[in-house]
C-alpha atoms as a PDB file:
ATOM      1  CA  MET A   1       0.000   0.000   0.000  1.00  0.00           C
ATOM      2  CA  ARG A   2       1.251   3.476  -0.857  1.00  0.00           C
ATOM      3  CA  ARG A   3       0.647   6.875   0.710  1.00  0.00           C
ATOM      4  CA  ALA A   4      -0.655   9.762  -1.367  1.00  0.00           C
ATOM      5  CA  THR A   5       2.961  10.946  -1.349  1.00  0.00           C
ATOM      6  CA  GLY A   6       4.017   7.783  -3.161  1.00  0.00           C
ATOM      7  CA  LYS A   7       5.819   6.178  -0.224  1.00  0.00           C
ATOM      8  CA  ASN A   8       5.035   2.635   0.845  1.00  0.00           C
ATOM      9  CA  VAL A   9       3.101   2.076   4.079  1.00  0.00           C
ATOM     10  CA  THR A  10       4.412  -0.619   6.406  1.00  0.00           C
ATOM     11  CA  LEU A  11       2.131  -3.103   8.126  1.00  0.00           C
ATOM     12  CA  GLU A  12       2.933  -1.474  11.456  1.00  0.00           C
ATOM     13  CA  GLU A  13       1.939   1.957  10.110  1.00  0.00           C
ATOM     14  CA  LEU A  14      -1.215   0.517   8.587  1.00  0.00           C
ATOM     15  CA  ILE A  15      -2.299  -1.029  11.878  1.00  0.00           C
ATOM     16  CA  LYS A  16      -1.566   2.229  13.695  1.00  0.00           C
ATOM     17  CA  LEU A  17      -3.617   4.203  11.161  1.00  0.00           C
ATOM     18  CA  ALA A  18      -6.522   1.777  11.537  1.00  0.00           C
ATOM     19  CA  ILE A  19      -6.425   2.113  15.320  1.00  0.00           C
ATOM     20  CA  ASP A  20      -6.171   5.912  15.114  1.00  0.00           C
ATOM     21  CA  PHE A  21      -9.164   6.122  12.781  1.00  0.00           C
ATOM     22  CA  ARG A  22     -11.180   3.807  15.043  1.00  0.00           C
ATOM     23  CA  LEU A  23     -10.364   5.933  18.083  1.00  0.00           C
ATOM     24  CA  LEU A  24     -11.752   9.017  16.315  1.00  0.00           C
ATOM     25  CA  ASP A  25     -15.247   7.689  17.060  1.00  0.00           C
ATOM     26  CA  LEU A  26     -14.479   6.740  20.660  1.00  0.00           C
ATOM     27  CA  HIS A  27     -15.246   9.578  23.074  1.00  0.00           C
ATOM     28  CA  VAL A  28     -14.421   9.668  26.789  1.00  0.00           C
ATOM     29  CA  ALA A  29     -14.628  13.213  28.190  1.00  0.00           C
ATOM     30  CA  ILE A  30     -14.479  16.701  26.721  1.00  0.00           C
ATOM     31  CA  PRO A  31     -15.349  20.271  27.796  1.00  0.00           C
ATOM     32  CA  GLY A  32     -18.842  21.344  26.773  1.00  0.00           C
ATOM     33  CA  LYS A  33     -20.970  24.487  26.670  1.00  0.00           C
ATOM     34  CA  VAL A  34     -24.717  24.653  27.250  1.00  0.00           C
ATOM     35  CA  GLU A  35     -26.777  25.821  24.274  1.00  0.00           C
ATOM     36  CA  ALA A  36     -30.183  25.304  25.924  1.00  0.00           C
ATOM     37  CA  PHE A  37     -31.510  23.782  29.166  1.00  0.00           C
ATOM     38  CA  ASP A  38     -34.882  22.322  30.120  1.00  0.00           C
ATOM     39  CA  GLY A  39     -35.363  22.229  33.885  1.00  0.00           C
ATOM     40  CA  SER A  40     -38.493  20.083  33.607  1.00  0.00           C
ATOM     41  CA  THR A  41     -36.542  17.213  32.028  1.00  0.00           C
ATOM     42  CA  CYS A  42     -33.116  18.035  33.510  1.00  0.00           C
ATOM     43  CA  LYS A  43     -31.630  17.770  30.017  1.00  0.00           C
ATOM     44  CA  ALA A  44     -29.571  20.172  27.935  1.00  0.00           C
ATOM     45  CA  SER A  45     -28.293  20.759  24.434  1.00  0.00           C
ATOM     46  CA  VAL A  46     -24.511  20.814  24.808  1.00  0.00           C
ATOM     47  CA  ARG A  47     -21.798  21.810  22.346  1.00  0.00           C
ATOM     48  CA  PRO A  48     -18.430  19.995  22.589  1.00  0.00           C
ATOM     49  CA  MET A  49     -15.762  22.696  22.849  1.00  0.00           C
ATOM     50  CA  VAL A  50     -12.665  20.923  21.502  1.00  0.00           C
ATOM     51  CA  LYS A  51     -12.403  20.093  17.811  1.00  0.00           C
ATOM     52  CA  ARG A  52     -11.538  16.612  16.584  1.00  0.00           C
ATOM     53  CA  PRO A  53      -8.247  16.301  14.631  1.00  0.00           C
ATOM     54  CA  VAL A  54      -8.623  13.940  11.682  1.00  0.00           C
ATOM     55  CA  PRO A  55      -5.542  12.566   9.853  1.00  0.00           C
ATOM     56  CA  THR A  56      -5.347  13.249   6.120  1.00  0.00           C
ATOM     57  CA  LYS A  57      -3.942  11.030   3.380  1.00  0.00           C
ATOM     58  CA  THR A  58      -0.921  13.292   3.047  1.00  0.00           C
ATOM     59  CA  GLY A  59       0.083  12.780   6.663  1.00  0.00           C
ATOM     60  CA  GLY A  60      -1.341  16.064   7.899  1.00  0.00           C
ATOM     61  CA  ARG A  61      -4.567  16.689   9.733  1.00  0.00           C
ATOM     62  CA  ARG A  62      -7.809  18.614   9.478  1.00  0.00           C
ATOM     63  CA  LEU A  63     -10.052  19.789  12.300  1.00  0.00           C
ATOM     64  CA  GLU A  64     -13.697  18.763  12.587  1.00  0.00           C
ATOM     65  CA  THR A  65     -16.240  20.518  14.788  1.00  0.00           C
ATOM     66  CA  LEU A  66     -18.312  18.020  16.729  1.00  0.00           C
ATOM     67  CA  PRO A  67     -22.072  18.565  16.519  1.00  0.00           C
ATOM     68  CA  VAL A  68     -24.270  19.940  19.309  1.00  0.00           C
ATOM     69  CA  ILE A  69     -25.537  16.970  21.318  1.00  0.00           C
ATOM     70  CA  GLN A  70     -29.259  17.088  22.099  1.00  0.00           C
ATOM     71  CA  ASN A  71     -31.124  15.816  25.164  1.00  0.00           C
ATOM     72  CA  VAL A  72     -28.009  15.327  27.286  1.00  0.00           C
ATOM     73  CA  ARG A  73     -28.746  14.284  30.849  1.00  0.00           C
ATOM     74  CA  VAL A  74     -27.401  16.762  33.417  1.00  0.00           C
ATOM     75  CA  SER A  75     -25.831  15.170  36.483  1.00  0.00           C
ATOM     76  CA  TYR A  76     -26.161  16.881  39.872  1.00  0.00           C
ATOM     77  CA  ALA A  77     -24.767  15.791  43.214  1.00  0.00           C
ATOM     78  CA  GLY A  78     -27.436  14.038  45.245  1.00  0.00           C
ATOM     79  CA  GLY A  79     -28.500  11.080  47.326  1.00  0.00           C
ATOM     80  CA  LYS A  80     -31.101   9.823  49.788  1.00  0.00           C
ATOM     81  CA  GLY A  81     -33.864  11.712  48.000  1.00  0.00           C
ATOM     82  CA  LEU A  82     -31.990  15.040  47.988  1.00  0.00           C
ATOM     83  CA  ALA A  83     -30.175  16.816  45.161  1.00  0.00           C
ATOM     84  CA  VAL A  84     -28.105  19.975  44.830  1.00  0.00           C
ATOM     85  CA  ALA A  85     -29.855  21.163  41.658  1.00  0.00           C
ATOM     86  CA  PHE A  86     -29.659  24.547  39.970  1.00  0.00           C
ATOM     87  CA  PRO A  87     -30.750  25.972  36.600  1.00  0.00           C
ATOM     88  CA  LEU A  88     -28.337  26.303  33.704  1.00  0.00           C
ATOM     89  CA  GLU A  89     -28.249  28.938  31.006  1.00  0.00           C
ATOM     90  CA  ALA A  90     -26.709  29.195  27.559  1.00  0.00           C
ATOM     91  CA  GLY A  91     -22.962  29.652  27.899  1.00  0.00           C
ATOM     92  CA  ASP A  92     -22.534  27.654  31.111  1.00  0.00           C
ATOM     93  CA  THR A  93     -19.658  25.208  30.844  1.00  0.00           C
ATOM     94  CA  GLY A  94     -18.876  21.781  32.224  1.00  0.00           C
ATOM     95  CA  THR A  95     -17.609  18.328  31.341  1.00  0.00           C
ATOM     96  CA  ILE A  96     -19.303  15.956  28.906  1.00  0.00           C
ATOM     97  CA  ILE A  97     -18.732  12.344  29.932  1.00  0.00           C
ATOM     98  CA  PHE A  98     -19.487   9.640  27.346  1.00  0.00           C
ATOM     99  CA  CYS A  99     -20.778   6.440  28.896  1.00  0.00           C
ATOM    100  CA  GLU A 100     -19.410   3.055  27.899  1.00  0.00           C
ATOM    101  CA  ALA A 101     -22.731   2.096  26.286  1.00  0.00           C
ATOM    102  CA  PRO A 102     -25.934   3.909  25.247  1.00  0.00           C
ATOM    103  CA  ILE A 103     -27.992   4.801  28.332  1.00  0.00           C
ATOM    104  CA  ALA A 104     -31.353   5.817  26.845  1.00  0.00           C
ATOM    105  CA  GLU A 105     -33.158   2.655  27.964  1.00  0.00           C
ATOM    106  CA  TRP A 106     -31.699   2.834  31.462  1.00  0.00           C
ATOM    107  CA  GLY A 107     -32.685   6.502  31.692  1.00  0.00           C
ATOM    108  CA  ARG A 108     -36.245   5.651  30.704  1.00  0.00           C
ATOM    109  CA  THR A 109     -36.773   2.687  33.034  1.00  0.00           C
ATOM    110  CA  GLY A 110     -34.114   2.944  35.753  1.00  0.00           C
ATOM    111  CA  GLU A 111     -33.623  -0.804  35.383  1.00  0.00           C
ATOM    112  CA  ASN A 112     -30.601  -2.950  34.489  1.00  0.00           C
ATOM    113  CA  SER A 113     -31.103  -2.516  30.762  1.00  0.00           C
ATOM    114  CA  ASP A 114     -30.116  -3.720  27.313  1.00  0.00           C
ATOM    115  CA  PRO A 115     -28.086  -0.884  25.731  1.00  0.00           C
ATOM    116  CA  GLY A 116     -29.683  -1.636  22.368  1.00  0.00           C
ATOM    117  CA  ASP A 117     -26.493  -1.960  20.309  1.00  0.00           C
ATOM    118  CA  LEU A 118     -22.784  -2.654  20.575  1.00  0.00           C
ATOM    119  CA  ARG A 119     -21.486   0.902  20.252  1.00  0.00           C
ATOM    120  CA  ARG A 120     -19.010   2.119  22.874  1.00  0.00           C
ATOM    121  CA  HIS A 121     -18.297   5.652  24.125  1.00  0.00           C
ATOM    122  CA  THR A 122     -20.339   7.376  21.411  1.00  0.00           C
ATOM    123  CA  LEU A 123     -21.943  10.819  21.415  1.00  0.00           C
ATOM    124  CA  SER A 124     -25.317   9.203  22.213  1.00  0.00           C
ATOM    125  CA  GLY A 125     -24.069   8.225  25.677  1.00  0.00           C
ATOM    126  CA  ALA A 126     -23.297  11.791  26.763  1.00  0.00           C
ATOM    127  CA  VAL A 127     -23.875  13.034  30.334  1.00  0.00           C
ATOM    128  CA  PHE A 128     -23.151  16.661  31.316  1.00  0.00           C
ATOM    129  CA  PHE A 129     -21.500  17.619  34.612  1.00  0.00           C
ATOM    130  CA  PRO A 130     -21.732  21.410  35.159  1.00  0.00           C
ATOM    131  CA  GLY A 131     -18.756  23.235  36.584  1.00  0.00           C
ATOM    132  CA  LEU A 132     -15.661  22.936  34.392  1.00  0.00           C
ATOM    133  CA  TYR A 133     -14.449  26.522  33.900  1.00  0.00           C
ATOM    134  CA  THR A 134     -12.115  28.411  31.609  1.00  0.00           C
ATOM    135  CA  ASP A 135      -9.406  30.696  32.998  1.00  0.00           C
ATOM    136  CA  GLY A 136     -11.512  33.757  32.177  1.00  0.00           C
ATOM    137  CA  ASN A 137     -14.761  32.437  33.647  1.00  0.00           C
ATOM    138  CA  LYS A 138     -13.744  30.682  36.850  1.00  0.00           C
ATOM    139  CA  PRO A 139     -15.553  31.285  40.160  1.00  0.00           C
ATOM    140  CA  THR A 140     -14.038  32.996  43.178  1.00  0.00           C
ATOM    141  CA  VAL A 141     -12.997  30.334  45.701  1.00  0.00           C
ATOM    142  CA  ALA A 142     -13.101  31.242  49.384  1.00  0.00           C
ATOM    143  CA  SER A 143     -10.013  30.255  51.351  1.00  0.00           C
ATOM    144  CA  ASP A 144     -11.839  30.106  54.683  1.00  0.00           C
ATOM    145  CA  GLY A 145     -14.973  28.108  53.996  1.00  0.00           C
ATOM    146  CA  ILE A 146     -17.500  26.789  51.494  1.00  0.00           C
ATOM    147  CA  THR A 147     -19.100  29.450  49.291  1.00  0.00           C
ATOM    148  CA  LEU A 148     -22.115  29.410  47.002  1.00  0.00           C
ATOM    149  CA  GLY A 149     -21.233  32.432  44.902  1.00  0.00           C
ATOM    150  CA  LYS A 150     -22.146  34.275  41.745  1.00  0.00           C
ATOM    151  CA  LYS A 151     -19.822  34.622  38.784  1.00  0.00           C
ATOM    152  CA  ASP A 152     -19.119  38.254  39.680  1.00  0.00           C
ATOM    153  CA  GLY A 153     -17.550  37.124  42.946  1.00  0.00           C
ATOM    154  CA  THR A 154     -20.427  38.021  45.304  1.00  0.00           C
ATOM    155  CA  PHE A 155     -21.567  35.194  47.523  1.00  0.00           C
ATOM    156  CA  VAL A 156     -25.082  33.918  48.133  1.00  0.00           C
ATOM    157  CA  LEU A 157     -24.223  31.544  50.969  1.00  0.00           C
ATOM    158  CA  LYS A 158     -21.022  30.964  52.906  1.00  0.00           C
ATOM    159  CA  VAL A 159     -20.185  28.301  55.493  1.00  0.00           C
ATOM    160  CA  LYS A 160     -17.210  29.112  57.738  1.00  0.00           C
ATOM    161  CA  GLY A 161     -16.692  26.416  60.356  1.00  0.00           C
ATOM    162  CA  ASP A 162     -20.104  26.086  62.010  1.00  0.00           C
ATOM    163  CA  VAL A 163     -21.281  29.597  61.006  1.00  0.00           C
ATOM    164  CA  VAL A 164     -23.585  30.096  58.011  1.00  0.00           C
ATOM    165  CA  GLU A 165     -23.785  33.493  56.302  1.00  0.00           C
ATOM    166  CA  ILE A 166     -26.529  34.241  53.770  1.00  0.00           C
ATOM    167  CA  GLY A 167     -26.046  37.293  51.561  1.00  0.00           C
ATOM    168  CA  GLY A 168     -23.449  40.055  51.691  1.00  0.00           C
ATOM    169  CA  ASN A 169     -22.870  42.449  54.615  1.00  0.00           C
ATOM    170  CA  SER A 170     -24.371  39.882  56.957  1.00  0.00           C
ATOM    171  CA  ASP A 171     -25.515  40.578  60.515  1.00  0.00           C
ATOM    172  CA  ALA A 172     -26.313  37.958  63.131  1.00  0.00           C
ATOM    173  CA  ALA A 173     -29.917  36.796  62.965  1.00  0.00           C
ATOM    174  CA  ALA A 174     -32.057  37.085  66.098  1.00  0.00           C
ATOM    175  CA  ARG A 175     -32.969  33.792  67.743  1.00  0.00           C
ATOM    176  CA  ALA A 176     -36.675  33.407  68.377  1.00  0.00           C
ATOM    177  CA  SER A 177     -36.248  31.762  71.793  1.00  0.00           C
ATOM    178  CA  LEU A 178     -33.957  34.525  73.069  1.00  0.00           C
ATOM    179  CA  THR A 179     -36.182  37.242  71.612  1.00  0.00           C
ATOM    180  CA  ASN A 180     -39.256  35.754  73.281  1.00  0.00           C
ATOM    181  CA  THR A 181     -37.417  35.669  76.597  1.00  0.00           C
ATOM    182  CA  GLN A 182     -36.523  39.358  76.255  1.00  0.00           C
ATOM    183  CA  PHE A 183     -40.091  40.351  75.466  1.00  0.00           C
ATOM    184  CA  ASN A 184     -41.384  38.349  78.419  1.00  0.00           C
ATOM    185  CA  ASP A 185     -38.831  40.049  80.704  1.00  0.00           C
ATOM    186  CA  LEU A 186     -39.912  43.451  79.348  1.00  0.00           C
ATOM    187  CA  LYS A 187     -43.529  42.561  79.991  1.00  0.00           C
ATOM    188  CA  THR A 188     -42.639  41.582  83.552  1.00  0.00           C
ATOM    189  CA  ALA A 189     -40.726  44.844  84.079  1.00  0.00           C
ATOM    190  CA  ILE A 190     -43.680  46.942  82.907  1.00  0.00           C
ATOM    191  CA  SER A 191     -46.209  44.872  84.839  1.00  0.00           C
ATOM    192  CA  GLY A 192     -44.160  45.203  88.034  1.00  0.00           C
ATOM    193  CA  TRP A 193     -43.826  48.971  87.699  1.00  0.00           C
ATOM    194  CA  THR A 194     -45.775  50.908  90.304  1.00  0.00           C
ATOM    195  CA  PRO A 195     -46.961  54.291  88.999  1.00  0.00           C
ATOM    196  CA  VAL A 196     -45.813  57.202  91.161  1.00  0.00           C
ATOM    197  CA  PRO A 197     -48.042  60.291  91.067  1.00  0.00           C
ATOM    198  CA  ASN A 198     -46.480  63.396  89.518  1.00  0.00           C
ATOM    199  CA  ASP A 199     -43.035  61.772  88.918  1.00  0.00           C
ATOM    200  CA  GLY A 200     -43.181  62.402  85.165  1.00  0.00           C
ATOM    201  CA  GLY A 201     -42.580  58.720  84.395  1.00  0.00           C
ATOM    202  CA  ALA A 202     -39.285  58.600  86.288  1.00  0.00           C
ATOM    203  CA  ALA A 203     -40.171  55.327  87.983  1.00  0.00           C
ATOM    204  CA  LEU A 204     -41.036  53.725  84.641  1.00  0.00           C
ATOM    205  CA  LYS A 205     -37.771  54.973  83.192  1.00  0.00           C
ATOM    206  CA  VAL A 206     -35.864  53.332  86.039  1.00  0.00           C
ATOM    207  CA  ALA A 207     -37.737  50.058  85.564  1.00  0.00           C
ATOM    208  CA  LEU A 208     -37.037  49.996  81.822  1.00  0.00           C
ATOM    209  CA  ALA A 209     -33.396  50.996  82.291  1.00  0.00           C
ATOM    210  CA  THR A 210     -32.972  48.185  84.815  1.00  0.00           C
ATOM    211  CA  TRP A 211     -34.532  45.683  82.401  1.00  0.00           C
ATOM    212  CA  TYR A 212     -32.355  46.865  79.509  1.00  0.00           C
ATOM    213  CA  GLY A 213     -29.208  46.751  81.614  1.00  0.00           C
ATOM    214  CA  THR A 214     -29.777  43.098  82.467  1.00  0.00           C
ATOM    215  CA  SER A 215     -31.088  41.987  79.050  1.00  0.00           C
ATOM    216  CA  ALA A 216     -29.065  39.365  77.211  1.00  0.00           C
ATOM    217  CA  ALA A 217     -28.095  39.371  73.520  1.00  0.00           C
ATOM    218  CA  VAL A 218     -30.555  37.749  71.136  1.00  0.00           C
ATOM    219  CA  ALA A 219     -28.134  37.312  68.217  1.00  0.00           C
ATOM    220  CA  SER A 220     -27.451  33.859  66.780  1.00  0.00           C
ATOM    221  CA  THR A 221     -23.842  32.724  66.824  1.00  0.00           C
ATOM    222  CA  LYS A 222     -24.446  30.272  63.956  1.00  0.00           C
ATOM    223  CA  LEU A 223     -26.494  32.208  61.371  1.00  0.00           C
ATOM    224  CA  LYS A 224     -26.021  35.612  59.761  1.00  0.00           C
ATOM    225  CA  LEU A 225     -28.404  37.185  57.254  1.00  0.00           C
ATOM    226  CA  GLY A 226     -27.630  39.871  54.685  1.00  0.00           C
ATOM    227  CA  GLY A 227     -29.767  42.948  54.247  1.00  0.00           C
END
């Protein structure tokens, strides 16, 4: 067998070329970008973001753009009936994983299923995992806790040790039990006040000042809410 250049091809080169061409249709993992997302089905249209190099007869290569993959299942972390699920929008990026065999029947029934054919690692077995970022679109990572943040760097929720902060410029949230205790103490202070004729409310002022001076903080040490 001869190349297009006129040179003979050895058996070893021929086998290598055959393997290389076969591997062109075997997909494992690749970055992807969301084109559209349907929250009701938890599926997305995803565009593979790395082109496929295809060898040419002259020993060079050409680049092929892989097609947008439709109805790709989106995988979220979850278990025991709970899931950390969030909407996606066009432009969001992540990793496309290509399953060993087609998964359509399993996805429909949830049972140990017949894949339907013998194909391996094809585009039809794609699953999308959100959260693979480019250098110019990466999130801000907190060094002192776990942060649920927006792309502009502002955080929605932050966990630092055993303290949870929700929203920016957070203040400690009032605890209902402590607040109720304070109101009951205030009620007691007012109820126990004995009016003094013509004192201009001085006795009431003393009673309230005494209550305030002994009142405890009502702020939570575990939860802070942003305004």
